[in-house]
Amino acid sequence: MLNFLKNWTLPIAMLTGALGYFLFASCPFLEPVKPGLNLFISLLVPALIFMQLLLTFCKIEPRELLPSPWHGWLLLFQVVAASGIAALLIGIHMDSLYKEVFEGAMVCLICPTATAAAVITGKLGGSASSLTTYTLLSNLLAAIAVPLLFPLVEPHADLTFLSAFLKILSKVFPLLLFPFFLSMLFRYYLPAVRRFLLGFHDLAFYLWGVSLAIVTGQTVRSLVVSDAPVGVEILIALAGSVACAVQFYLGKRIGTRYDDRISAGQALGQKNTVLAIWMANTYLDPVSSVGPGSYVLWQNAFNSWQLWKKRKREAAAQSSNS
């Protein structure tokens, strides 16, 4: 049973999150405690991500945090793809239905790498340090590009570039930088604490599973309470699936040229969907947030498949050596 849970952590987490939402929503006796539970969950997810990153960063050598050529190619793709869709939306008058579909795809493309992507990358055998460098770069790119591009698509007079830039930075960088600096403090001044944390080999992965269950529940909730027509939601969700497939594919293709296929694929394909949903609700038509909402399911379904393939290869290698 424990081995089954270990091998299928991500699918189980997604299923648990979806079922948990429906149970939570359908239990009238929980009504009095729902506000408190929602507040607890809103605080729990950042705490879980913080711990995941701290455990992952403790394994990283600082000298490994160097830019790679594939970082530049992936950043260029994000800028060109998002700018191309923005130019299309600005230049062509579209029916609101199709506009929401393209907006959903655009936010999935420019969205930065997930803060916890290093956890899955390490589990798959990629370079967590190389991915961490790209995570920092892609978040900085989003903080600059989003306030520039999105208001051109959906003008908002109450948001200036500077306020939007600082808002994005305040949402992302503390969660990235604090665990990184803390890991460096442990490395150089409290090595005993670092050795203790390194003893929890797979804890970061299971913390990610708990986070995924919560985020999946929140995604299901956003889809259920959305007032958009079902047909529109399906189209936007399909746009999210296309964006997911394209980005994983291109990331892996580009990474292969630089002997870093896994890291580059996760860097471009695994997105900070919580931030993406916020960006869509802030800058674009709120219905477009269905795109990054569905992206949670697409990217983690693909991650589950990748982990299954890796286990299958390892099992085959063990059987051939025995």
C-alpha atoms as a PDB file:
ATOM      1  CA  MET A   1       0.000   0.000   0.000  1.00  0.00           C
ATOM      2  CA  LEU A   2       2.796   2.423   0.922  1.00  0.00           C
ATOM      3  CA  ASN A   3       4.599   1.591  -2.305  1.00  0.00           C
ATOM      4  CA  PHE A   4       1.410   2.287  -4.281  1.00  0.00           C
ATOM      5  CA  LEU A   5       0.989   5.680  -2.584  1.00  0.00           C
ATOM      6  CA  LYS A   6       4.633   6.523  -3.294  1.00  0.00           C
ATOM      7  CA  ASN A   7       4.394   5.604  -6.970  1.00  0.00           C
ATOM      8  CA  TRP A   8       1.097   7.383  -7.611  1.00  0.00           C
ATOM      9  CA  THR A   9       1.407  10.428  -5.363  1.00  0.00           C
ATOM     10  CA  LEU A  10       0.450  13.029  -7.970  1.00  0.00           C
ATOM     11  CA  PRO A  11      -2.681  11.315  -9.402  1.00  0.00           C
ATOM     12  CA  ILE A  12      -3.839  10.478  -5.875  1.00  0.00           C
ATOM     13  CA  ALA A  13      -3.261  14.075  -4.795  1.00  0.00           C
ATOM     14  CA  MET A  14      -5.262  15.426  -7.746  1.00  0.00           C
ATOM     15  CA  LEU A  15      -8.133  12.999  -7.126  1.00  0.00           C
ATOM     16  CA  THR A  16      -8.098  13.777  -3.405  1.00  0.00           C
ATOM     17  CA  GLY A  17      -8.216  17.504  -4.096  1.00  0.00           C
ATOM     18  CA  ALA A  18     -11.176  17.209  -6.486  1.00  0.00           C
ATOM     19  CA  LEU A  19     -13.156  14.878  -4.206  1.00  0.00           C
ATOM     20  CA  GLY A  20     -12.228  16.980  -1.193  1.00  0.00           C
ATOM     21  CA  TYR A  21     -13.742  20.078  -2.774  1.00  0.00           C
ATOM     22  CA  PHE A  22     -17.072  18.357  -3.508  1.00  0.00           C
ATOM     23  CA  LEU A  23     -17.227  16.897  -0.002  1.00  0.00           C
ATOM     24  CA  PHE A  24     -16.345  20.269   1.488  1.00  0.00           C
ATOM     25  CA  ALA A  25     -18.945  22.086  -0.619  1.00  0.00           C
ATOM     26  CA  SER A  26     -21.725  19.569   0.049  1.00  0.00           C
ATOM     27  CA  CYS A  27     -21.427  19.371   3.853  1.00  0.00           C
ATOM     28  CA  PRO A  28     -23.790  21.940   5.418  1.00  0.00           C
ATOM     29  CA  PHE A  29     -22.488  21.297   8.936  1.00  0.00           C
ATOM     30  CA  LEU A  30     -19.094  22.699   7.849  1.00  0.00           C
ATOM     31  CA  GLU A  31     -20.573  26.114   6.995  1.00  0.00           C
ATOM     32  CA  PRO A  32     -19.620  27.737  10.343  1.00  0.00           C
ATOM     33  CA  VAL A  33     -15.955  26.725   9.989  1.00  0.00           C
ATOM     34  CA  LYS A  34     -15.521  27.292   6.244  1.00  0.00           C
ATOM     35  CA  PRO A  35     -14.128  30.851   6.568  1.00  0.00           C
ATOM     36  CA  GLY A  36     -11.534  29.641   9.063  1.00  0.00           C
ATOM     37  CA  LEU A  37     -10.633  26.632   6.916  1.00  0.00           C
ATOM     38  CA  ASN A  38     -10.271  28.815   3.817  1.00  0.00           C
ATOM     39  CA  LEU A  39      -7.942  31.142   5.724  1.00  0.00           C
ATOM     40  CA  PHE A  40      -5.921  28.184   7.010  1.00  0.00           C
ATOM     41  CA  ILE A  41      -5.573  26.756   3.497  1.00  0.00           C
ATOM     42  CA  SER A  42      -4.530  30.141   2.077  1.00  0.00           C
ATOM     43  CA  LEU A  43      -1.701  30.211   4.625  1.00  0.00           C
ATOM     44  CA  LEU A  44      -0.842  26.515   4.357  1.00  0.00           C
ATOM     45  CA  VAL A  45       0.003  26.446   0.637  1.00  0.00           C
ATOM     46  CA  PRO A  46       2.764  29.118   0.816  1.00  0.00           C
ATOM     47  CA  ALA A  47       4.160  27.405   3.913  1.00  0.00           C
ATOM     48  CA  LEU A  48       4.287  24.061   2.106  1.00  0.00           C
ATOM     49  CA  ILE A  49       5.974  25.615  -0.930  1.00  0.00           C
ATOM     50  CA  PHE A  50       8.483  27.344   1.357  1.00  0.00           C
ATOM     51  CA  MET A  51       9.424  24.028   2.965  1.00  0.00           C
ATOM     52  CA  GLN A  52       9.655  22.272  -0.413  1.00  0.00           C
ATOM     53  CA  LEU A  53      12.039  24.909  -1.732  1.00  0.00           C
ATOM     54  CA  LEU A  54      14.130  24.984   1.434  1.00  0.00           C
ATOM     55  CA  LEU A  55      14.645  21.217   1.283  1.00  0.00           C
ATOM     56  CA  THR A  56      15.453  21.399  -2.440  1.00  0.00           C
ATOM     57  CA  PHE A  57      17.818  24.395  -2.165  1.00  0.00           C
ATOM     58  CA  CYS A  58      19.766  22.676   0.623  1.00  0.00           C
ATOM     59  CA  LYS A  59      20.856  20.125  -2.009  1.00  0.00           C
ATOM     60  CA  ILE A  60      22.040  22.770  -4.517  1.00  0.00           C
ATOM     61  CA  GLU A  61      25.650  23.879  -4.844  1.00  0.00           C
ATOM     62  CA  PRO A  62      25.821  27.700  -5.288  1.00  0.00           C
ATOM     63  CA  ARG A  63      28.426  27.382  -8.050  1.00  0.00           C
ATOM     64  CA  GLU A  64      25.868  25.450 -10.110  1.00  0.00           C
ATOM     65  CA  LEU A  65      23.513  28.455 -10.308  1.00  0.00           C
ATOM     66  CA  LEU A  66      24.883  29.720 -13.618  1.00  0.00           C
ATOM     67  CA  PRO A  67      22.921  30.839 -16.709  1.00  0.00           C
ATOM     68  CA  SER A  68      22.772  28.383 -19.591  1.00  0.00           C
ATOM     69  CA  PRO A  69      22.140  29.083 -23.295  1.00  0.00           C
ATOM     70  CA  TRP A  70      18.803  27.249 -23.093  1.00  0.00           C
ATOM     71  CA  HIS A  71      17.649  29.781 -20.511  1.00  0.00           C
ATOM     72  CA  GLY A  72      17.876  32.501 -23.155  1.00  0.00           C
ATOM     73  CA  TRP A  73      16.018  30.489 -25.805  1.00  0.00           C
ATOM     74  CA  LEU A  74      13.164  29.657 -23.444  1.00  0.00           C
ATOM     75  CA  LEU A  75      12.822  33.263 -22.284  1.00  0.00           C
ATOM     76  CA  LEU A  76      12.791  34.375 -25.925  1.00  0.00           C
ATOM     77  CA  PHE A  77      10.013  31.908 -26.736  1.00  0.00           C
ATOM     78  CA  GLN A  78       7.881  33.142 -23.835  1.00  0.00           C
ATOM     79  CA  VAL A  79       8.244  36.768 -24.926  1.00  0.00           C
ATOM     80  CA  VAL A  80       7.634  36.113 -28.623  1.00  0.00           C
ATOM     81  CA  ALA A  81       4.667  33.787 -28.079  1.00  0.00           C
ATOM     82  CA  ALA A  82       2.895  36.056 -25.586  1.00  0.00           C
ATOM     83  CA  SER A  83       3.649  39.196 -27.637  1.00  0.00           C
ATOM     84  CA  GLY A  84       2.358  37.510 -30.794  1.00  0.00           C
ATOM     85  CA  ILE A  85      -0.987  36.676 -29.194  1.00  0.00           C
ATOM     86  CA  ALA A  86      -1.197  40.169 -27.678  1.00  0.00           C
ATOM     87  CA  ALA A  87      -0.559  41.734 -31.115  1.00  0.00           C
ATOM     88  CA  LEU A  88      -3.243  39.481 -32.615  1.00  0.00           C
ATOM     89  CA  LEU A  89      -5.769  40.508 -29.968  1.00  0.00           C
ATOM     90  CA  ILE A  90      -4.938  44.195 -30.359  1.00  0.00           C
ATOM     91  CA  GLY A  91      -4.943  44.199 -34.155  1.00  0.00           C
ATOM     92  CA  ILE A  92      -8.001  42.054 -34.843  1.00  0.00           C
ATOM     93  CA  HIS A  93     -11.467  42.674 -33.468  1.00  0.00           C
ATOM     94  CA  MET A  94     -12.613  39.318 -32.076  1.00  0.00           C
ATOM     95  CA  ASP A  95     -15.827  37.985 -30.702  1.00  0.00           C
ATOM     96  CA  SER A  96     -15.532  37.941 -26.895  1.00  0.00           C
ATOM     97  CA  LEU A  97     -15.658  34.123 -26.887  1.00  0.00           C
ATOM     98  CA  TYR A  98     -12.535  33.740 -29.015  1.00  0.00           C
ATOM     99  CA  LYS A  99     -10.830  36.616 -27.225  1.00  0.00           C
ATOM    100  CA  GLU A 100     -11.153  34.819 -23.896  1.00  0.00           C
ATOM    101  CA  VAL A 101      -9.706  31.653 -25.435  1.00  0.00           C
ATOM    102  CA  PHE A 102      -6.631  33.496 -26.745  1.00  0.00           C
ATOM    103  CA  GLU A 103      -6.232  35.384 -23.465  1.00  0.00           C
ATOM    104  CA  GLY A 104      -6.276  32.065 -21.586  1.00  0.00           C
ATOM    105  CA  ALA A 105      -3.512  30.731 -23.854  1.00  0.00           C
ATOM    106  CA  MET A 106      -1.481  33.954 -23.543  1.00  0.00           C
ATOM    107  CA  VAL A 107      -1.394  33.899 -19.762  1.00  0.00           C
ATOM    108  CA  CYS A 108      -0.308  30.227 -19.832  1.00  0.00           C
ATOM    109  CA  LEU A 109       2.588  31.112 -22.144  1.00  0.00           C
ATOM    110  CA  ILE A 110       3.999  34.120 -20.286  1.00  0.00           C
ATOM    111  CA  CYS A 111       3.407  32.633 -16.822  1.00  0.00           C
ATOM    112  CA  PRO A 112       6.713  31.976 -14.992  1.00  0.00           C
ATOM    113  CA  THR A 113       8.012  28.607 -13.905  1.00  0.00           C
ATOM    114  CA  ALA A 114       6.414  27.125 -10.790  1.00  0.00           C
ATOM    115  CA  THR A 115       8.366  27.799  -7.628  1.00  0.00           C
ATOM    116  CA  ALA A 116       8.235  24.105  -6.756  1.00  0.00           C
ATOM    117  CA  ALA A 117       9.205  22.822 -10.223  1.00  0.00           C
ATOM    118  CA  ALA A 118      12.668  22.000  -8.885  1.00  0.00           C
ATOM    119  CA  VAL A 119      11.083  19.265  -6.749  1.00  0.00           C
ATOM    120  CA  ILE A 120       9.684  17.363  -9.747  1.00  0.00           C
ATOM    121  CA  THR A 121      12.809  18.091 -11.793  1.00  0.00           C
ATOM    122  CA  GLY A 122      14.998  16.506  -9.137  1.00  0.00           C
ATOM    123  CA  LYS A 123      12.646  13.527  -8.912  1.00  0.00           C
ATOM    124  CA  LEU A 124      12.907  13.031 -12.674  1.00  0.00           C
ATOM    125  CA  GLY A 125      16.717  13.203 -12.603  1.00  0.00           C
ATOM    126  CA  GLY A 126      17.159  16.735 -13.949  1.00  0.00           C
ATOM    127  CA  SER A 127      19.252  19.610 -12.639  1.00  0.00           C
ATOM    128  CA  ALA A 128      17.424  21.425  -9.833  1.00  0.00           C
ATOM    129  CA  SER A 129      20.091  24.154  -9.798  1.00  0.00           C
ATOM    130  CA  SER A 130      19.736  24.946 -13.504  1.00  0.00           C
ATOM    131  CA  LEU A 131      15.966  25.024 -13.165  1.00  0.00           C
ATOM    132  CA  THR A 132      16.178  27.291 -10.108  1.00  0.00           C
ATOM    133  CA  THR A 133      18.182  29.809 -12.137  1.00  0.00           C
ATOM    134  CA  TYR A 134      15.539  29.780 -14.864  1.00  0.00           C
ATOM    135  CA  THR A 135      12.756  30.105 -12.287  1.00  0.00           C
ATOM    136  CA  LEU A 136      14.296  33.342 -11.047  1.00  0.00           C
ATOM    137  CA  LEU A 137      14.760  34.651 -14.602  1.00  0.00           C
ATOM    138  CA  SER A 138      11.256  33.722 -15.774  1.00  0.00           C
ATOM    139  CA  ASN A 139       9.634  35.375 -12.774  1.00  0.00           C
ATOM    140  CA  LEU A 140      11.572  38.565 -13.454  1.00  0.00           C
ATOM    141  CA  LEU A 141      10.529  38.372 -17.109  1.00  0.00           C
ATOM    142  CA  ALA A 142       6.864  38.000 -16.159  1.00  0.00           C
ATOM    143  CA  ALA A 143       7.094  40.900 -13.728  1.00  0.00           C
ATOM    144  CA  ILE A 144       8.269  43.135 -16.610  1.00  0.00           C
ATOM    145  CA  ALA A 145       6.328  41.725 -19.581  1.00  0.00           C
ATOM    146  CA  VAL A 146       2.888  41.218 -18.024  1.00  0.00           C
ATOM    147  CA  PRO A 147       2.338  44.857 -16.939  1.00  0.00           C
ATOM    148  CA  LEU A 148       3.509  45.939 -20.396  1.00  0.00           C
ATOM    149  CA  LEU A 149       1.471  43.535 -22.549  1.00  0.00           C
ATOM    150  CA  PHE A 150      -1.734  42.715 -20.721  1.00  0.00           C
ATOM    151  CA  PRO A 151      -3.053  46.281 -20.216  1.00  0.00           C
ATOM    152  CA  LEU A 152      -2.797  46.735 -23.999  1.00  0.00           C
ATOM    153  CA  VAL A 153      -5.154  43.790 -24.436  1.00  0.00           C
ATOM    154  CA  GLU A 154      -7.524  44.725 -21.589  1.00  0.00           C
ATOM    155  CA  PRO A 155      -6.933  48.359 -20.524  1.00  0.00           C
ATOM    156  CA  HIS A 156      -7.107  49.060 -16.779  1.00  0.00           C
ATOM    157  CA  ALA A 157      -6.836  52.709 -15.844  1.00  0.00           C
ATOM    158  CA  ASP A 158      -6.380  51.945 -12.132  1.00  0.00           C
ATOM    159  CA  LEU A 159      -3.186  49.899 -12.606  1.00  0.00           C
ATOM    160  CA  THR A 160       0.161  51.490 -13.424  1.00  0.00           C
ATOM    161  CA  PHE A 161       3.186  49.576 -14.631  1.00  0.00           C
ATOM    162  CA  LEU A 162       5.134  50.228 -11.423  1.00  0.00           C
ATOM    163  CA  SER A 163       2.317  49.118  -9.118  1.00  0.00           C
ATOM    164  CA  ALA A 164       1.767  45.951 -11.167  1.00  0.00           C
ATOM    165  CA  PHE A 165       5.500  45.225 -11.323  1.00  0.00           C
ATOM    166  CA  LEU A 166       5.889  45.541  -7.544  1.00  0.00           C
ATOM    167  CA  LYS A 167       2.728  43.506  -6.934  1.00  0.00           C
ATOM    168  CA  ILE A 168       4.009  40.559  -8.963  1.00  0.00           C
ATOM    169  CA  LEU A 169       7.433  40.743  -7.325  1.00  0.00           C
ATOM    170  CA  SER A 170       5.855  40.822  -3.869  1.00  0.00           C
ATOM    171  CA  LYS A 171       3.832  37.697  -4.673  1.00  0.00           C
ATOM    172  CA  VAL A 172       6.679  35.648  -6.114  1.00  0.00           C
ATOM    173  CA  PHE A 173      10.161  36.653  -5.047  1.00  0.00           C
ATOM    174  CA  PRO A 174       9.806  36.362  -1.239  1.00  0.00           C
ATOM    175  CA  LEU A 175       8.690  32.770  -1.686  1.00  0.00           C
ATOM    176  CA  LEU A 176      11.712  32.101  -3.896  1.00  0.00           C
ATOM    177  CA  LEU A 177      14.428  34.127  -2.208  1.00  0.00           C
ATOM    178  CA  PHE A 178      13.753  33.537   1.505  1.00  0.00           C
ATOM    179  CA  PRO A 179      14.188  29.739   1.373  1.00  0.00           C
ATOM    180  CA  PHE A 180      17.235  30.192  -0.884  1.00  0.00           C
ATOM    181  CA  PHE A 181      18.988  32.577   1.519  1.00  0.00           C
ATOM    182  CA  LEU A 182      18.002  30.396   4.467  1.00  0.00           C
ATOM    183  CA  SER A 183      19.526  27.355   2.757  1.00  0.00           C
ATOM    184  CA  MET A 184      22.763  29.322   2.217  1.00  0.00           C
ATOM    185  CA  LEU A 185      22.747  30.318   5.907  1.00  0.00           C
ATOM    186  CA  PHE A 186      22.444  26.661   6.889  1.00  0.00           C
ATOM    187  CA  ARG A 187      25.163  25.655   4.416  1.00  0.00           C
ATOM    188  CA  TYR A 188      27.821  28.073   5.671  1.00  0.00           C
ATOM    189  CA  TYR A 189      26.893  28.735   9.296  1.00  0.00           C
ATOM    190  CA  LEU A 190      24.630  25.892  10.499  1.00  0.00           C
ATOM    191  CA  PRO A 191      25.819  22.772   8.629  1.00  0.00           C
ATOM    192  CA  ALA A 192      24.302  20.463  11.246  1.00  0.00           C
ATOM    193  CA  VAL A 193      20.828  21.828  10.462  1.00  0.00           C
ATOM    194  CA  ARG A 194      21.479  21.366   6.745  1.00  0.00           C
ATOM    195  CA  ARG A 195      22.579  17.753   7.259  1.00  0.00           C
ATOM    196  CA  PHE A 196      19.438  17.130   9.307  1.00  0.00           C
ATOM    197  CA  LEU A 197      17.210  18.491   6.528  1.00  0.00           C
ATOM    198  CA  LEU A 198      19.046  16.490   3.869  1.00  0.00           C
ATOM    199  CA  GLY A 199      18.060  13.368   5.767  1.00  0.00           C
ATOM    200  CA  PHE A 200      14.466  13.831   4.580  1.00  0.00           C
ATOM    201  CA  HIS A 201      15.133  12.543   1.073  1.00  0.00           C
ATOM    202  CA  ASP A 202      11.632  12.531  -0.444  1.00  0.00           C
ATOM    203  CA  LEU A 203       9.818  14.895   1.929  1.00  0.00           C
ATOM    204  CA  ALA A 204       9.825  17.785  -0.585  1.00  0.00           C
ATOM    205  CA  PHE A 205       8.039  15.586  -3.123  1.00  0.00           C
ATOM    206  CA  TYR A 206       5.307  14.559  -0.681  1.00  0.00           C
ATOM    207  CA  LEU A 207       4.858  18.166   0.474  1.00  0.00           C
ATOM    208  CA  TRP A 208       4.345  18.974  -3.193  1.00  0.00           C
ATOM    209  CA  GLY A 209       1.668  16.262  -3.309  1.00  0.00           C
ATOM    210  CA  VAL A 210      -0.221  17.904  -0.434  1.00  0.00           C
ATOM    211  CA  SER A 211       0.079  21.306  -2.142  1.00  0.00           C
ATOM    212  CA  LEU A 212      -1.190  19.789  -5.382  1.00  0.00           C
ATOM    213  CA  ALA A 213      -4.266  18.355  -3.652  1.00  0.00           C
ATOM    214  CA  ILE A 214      -5.132  21.788  -2.273  1.00  0.00           C
ATOM    215  CA  VAL A 215      -4.504  23.614  -5.556  1.00  0.00           C
ATOM    216  CA  THR A 216      -6.540  21.009  -7.473  1.00  0.00           C
ATOM    217  CA  GLY A 217      -9.449  21.576  -5.102  1.00  0.00           C
ATOM    218  CA  GLN A 218      -9.170  25.330  -5.637  1.00  0.00           C
ATOM    219  CA  THR A 219      -9.063  24.797  -9.413  1.00  0.00           C
ATOM    220  CA  VAL A 220     -12.181  22.626  -9.384  1.00  0.00           C
ATOM    221  CA  ARG A 221     -13.923  25.266  -7.293  1.00  0.00           C
ATOM    222  CA  SER A 222     -13.046  28.047  -9.770  1.00  0.00           C
ATOM    223  CA  LEU A 223     -14.425  25.950 -12.640  1.00  0.00           C
ATOM    224  CA  VAL A 224     -17.627  25.115 -10.760  1.00  0.00           C
ATOM    225  CA  VAL A 225     -18.419  28.673  -9.626  1.00  0.00           C
ATOM    226  CA  SER A 226     -17.496  30.315 -12.947  1.00  0.00           C
ATOM    227  CA  ASP A 227     -20.482  31.944 -14.667  1.00  0.00           C
ATOM    228  CA  ALA A 228     -19.034  31.428 -18.158  1.00  0.00           C
ATOM    229  CA  PRO A 229     -20.879  29.122 -20.590  1.00  0.00           C
ATOM    230  CA  VAL A 230     -19.652  25.532 -20.449  1.00  0.00           C
ATOM    231  CA  GLY A 231     -18.669  25.603 -24.124  1.00  0.00           C
ATOM    232  CA  VAL A 232     -16.434  28.618 -23.548  1.00  0.00           C
ATOM    233  CA  GLU A 233     -14.804  26.988 -20.522  1.00  0.00           C
ATOM    234  CA  ILE A 234     -14.082  23.852 -22.558  1.00  0.00           C
ATOM    235  CA  LEU A 235     -12.447  25.876 -25.355  1.00  0.00           C
ATOM    236  CA  ILE A 236     -10.304  27.829 -22.903  1.00  0.00           C
ATOM    237  CA  ALA A 237      -9.321  24.600 -21.139  1.00  0.00           C
ATOM    238  CA  LEU A 238      -8.343  23.102 -24.509  1.00  0.00           C
ATOM    239  CA  ALA A 239      -6.242  26.189 -25.221  1.00  0.00           C
ATOM    240  CA  GLY A 240      -4.510  25.544 -21.901  1.00  0.00           C
ATOM    241  CA  SER A 241      -3.842  21.932 -22.921  1.00  0.00           C
ATOM    242  CA  VAL A 242      -2.331  23.036 -26.241  1.00  0.00           C
ATOM    243  CA  ALA A 243      -0.127  25.598 -24.478  1.00  0.00           C
ATOM    244  CA  CYS A 244       0.976  22.892 -22.016  1.00  0.00           C
ATOM    245  CA  ALA A 245       1.842  20.369 -24.742  1.00  0.00           C
ATOM    246  CA  VAL A 246       3.709  22.931 -26.867  1.00  0.00           C
ATOM    247  CA  GLN A 247       5.773  24.215 -23.958  1.00  0.00           C
ATOM    248  CA  PHE A 248       6.802  20.815 -22.629  1.00  0.00           C
ATOM    249  CA  TYR A 249       7.677  19.717 -26.176  1.00  0.00           C
ATOM    250  CA  LEU A 250       9.712  22.811 -27.070  1.00  0.00           C
ATOM    251  CA  GLY A 251      11.421  22.896 -23.684  1.00  0.00           C
ATOM    252  CA  LYS A 252      12.570  19.304 -24.092  1.00  0.00           C
ATOM    253  CA  ARG A 253      13.660  19.842 -27.696  1.00  0.00           C
ATOM    254  CA  ILE A 254      15.709  22.921 -26.811  1.00  0.00           C
ATOM    255  CA  GLY A 255      17.102  21.296 -23.667  1.00  0.00           C
ATOM    256  CA  THR A 256      18.237  18.248 -25.651  1.00  0.00           C
ATOM    257  CA  ARG A 257      20.636  20.458 -27.639  1.00  0.00           C
ATOM    258  CA  TYR A 258      22.307  21.490 -24.379  1.00  0.00           C
ATOM    259  CA  ASP A 259      22.186  18.094 -22.607  1.00  0.00           C
ATOM    260  CA  ASP A 260      19.568  19.316 -20.138  1.00  0.00           C
ATOM    261  CA  ARG A 261      16.343  17.899 -21.559  1.00  0.00           C
ATOM    262  CA  ILE A 262      14.504  17.264 -18.298  1.00  0.00           C
ATOM    263  CA  SER A 263      15.295  20.614 -16.689  1.00  0.00           C
ATOM    264  CA  ALA A 264      14.419  22.649 -19.785  1.00  0.00           C
ATOM    265  CA  GLY A 265      11.175  20.749 -20.316  1.00  0.00           C
ATOM    266  CA  GLN A 266      10.053  21.338 -16.733  1.00  0.00           C
ATOM    267  CA  ALA A 267      11.241  24.946 -16.828  1.00  0.00           C
ATOM    268  CA  LEU A 268       9.051  25.850 -19.786  1.00  0.00           C
ATOM    269  CA  GLY A 269       6.182  23.460 -19.131  1.00  0.00           C
ATOM    270  CA  GLN A 270       5.592  23.529 -15.361  1.00  0.00           C
ATOM    271  CA  LYS A 271       3.926  26.838 -14.520  1.00  0.00           C
ATOM    272  CA  ASN A 272       3.110  28.883 -11.436  1.00  0.00           C
ATOM    273  CA  THR A 273      -0.611  28.575 -12.099  1.00  0.00           C
ATOM    274  CA  VAL A 274      -1.639  30.294  -8.858  1.00  0.00           C
ATOM    275  CA  LEU A 275       0.172  33.423 -10.048  1.00  0.00           C
ATOM    276  CA  ALA A 276      -1.237  32.937 -13.563  1.00  0.00           C
ATOM    277  CA  ILE A 277      -4.808  32.835 -12.261  1.00  0.00           C
ATOM    278  CA  TRP A 278      -4.161  36.042 -10.321  1.00  0.00           C
ATOM    279  CA  MET A 279      -2.691  37.730 -13.403  1.00  0.00           C
ATOM    280  CA  ALA A 280      -5.675  36.701 -15.541  1.00  0.00           C
ATOM    281  CA  ASN A 281      -8.158  38.000 -12.971  1.00  0.00           C
ATOM    282  CA  THR A 282      -6.203  41.248 -12.530  1.00  0.00           C
ATOM    283  CA  TYR A 283      -5.393  42.187 -16.133  1.00  0.00           C
ATOM    284  CA  LEU A 284      -7.630  40.181 -18.444  1.00  0.00           C
ATOM    285  CA  ASP A 285     -11.214  38.971 -18.711  1.00  0.00           C
ATOM    286  CA  PRO A 286     -11.648  36.889 -15.514  1.00  0.00           C
ATOM    287  CA  VAL A 287     -13.096  34.030 -17.580  1.00  0.00           C
ATOM    288  CA  SER A 288      -9.637  33.574 -19.130  1.00  0.00           C
ATOM    289  CA  SER A 289      -8.420  32.304 -15.731  1.00  0.00           C
ATOM    290  CA  VAL A 290      -9.991  28.954 -16.698  1.00  0.00           C
ATOM    291  CA  GLY A 291      -6.911  28.508 -18.931  1.00  0.00           C
ATOM    292  CA  PRO A 292      -4.301  28.447 -16.153  1.00  0.00           C
ATOM    293  CA  GLY A 293      -6.855  26.749 -13.903  1.00  0.00           C
ATOM    294  CA  SER A 294      -7.055  23.797 -16.271  1.00  0.00           C
ATOM    295  CA  TYR A 295      -3.282  23.952 -16.794  1.00  0.00           C
ATOM    296  CA  VAL A 296      -2.896  22.663 -13.224  1.00  0.00           C
ATOM    297  CA  LEU A 297      -4.513  19.413 -14.308  1.00  0.00           C
ATOM    298  CA  TRP A 298      -2.712  19.135 -17.663  1.00  0.00           C
ATOM    299  CA  GLN A 299       0.804  19.711 -16.336  1.00  0.00           C
ATOM    300  CA  ASN A 300       0.423  17.395 -13.359  1.00  0.00           C
ATOM    301  CA  ALA A 301      -1.152  14.653 -15.470  1.00  0.00           C
ATOM    302  CA  PHE A 302       1.938  14.889 -17.688  1.00  0.00           C
ATOM    303  CA  ASN A 303       4.251  14.935 -14.656  1.00  0.00           C
ATOM    304  CA  SER A 304       2.539  11.803 -13.347  1.00  0.00           C
ATOM    305  CA  TRP A 305       3.102  10.080 -16.694  1.00  0.00           C
ATOM    306  CA  GLN A 306       6.781  11.105 -16.706  1.00  0.00           C
ATOM    307  CA  LEU A 307       7.301   9.738 -13.204  1.00  0.00           C
ATOM    308  CA  TRP A 308       5.570   6.483 -14.203  1.00  0.00           C
ATOM    309  CA  LYS A 309       7.872   6.128 -17.231  1.00  0.00           C
ATOM    310  CA  LYS A 310      10.930   6.777 -15.072  1.00  0.00           C
ATOM    311  CA  ARG A 311       9.863   4.093 -12.576  1.00  0.00           C
ATOM    312  CA  LYS A 312       9.244   1.671 -15.432  1.00  0.00           C
ATOM    313  CA  ARG A 313      12.744   2.258 -16.866  1.00  0.00           C
ATOM    314  CA  GLU A 314      14.322   1.816 -13.429  1.00  0.00           C
ATOM    315  CA  ALA A 315      12.413  -1.430 -12.860  1.00  0.00           C
ATOM    316  CA  ALA A 316      13.508  -2.736 -16.259  1.00  0.00           C
ATOM    317  CA  ALA A 317      17.120  -1.831 -15.537  1.00  0.00           C
ATOM    318  CA  GLN A 318      17.023  -3.595 -12.175  1.00  0.00           C
ATOM    319  CA  SER A 319      15.514  -6.739 -13.657  1.00  0.00           C
ATOM    320  CA  SER A 320      18.136  -6.859 -16.414  1.00  0.00           C
ATOM    321  CA  ASN A 321      20.965  -6.486 -13.889  1.00  0.00           C
ATOM    322  CA  SER A 322      19.628  -9.196 -11.581  1.00  0.00           C
END
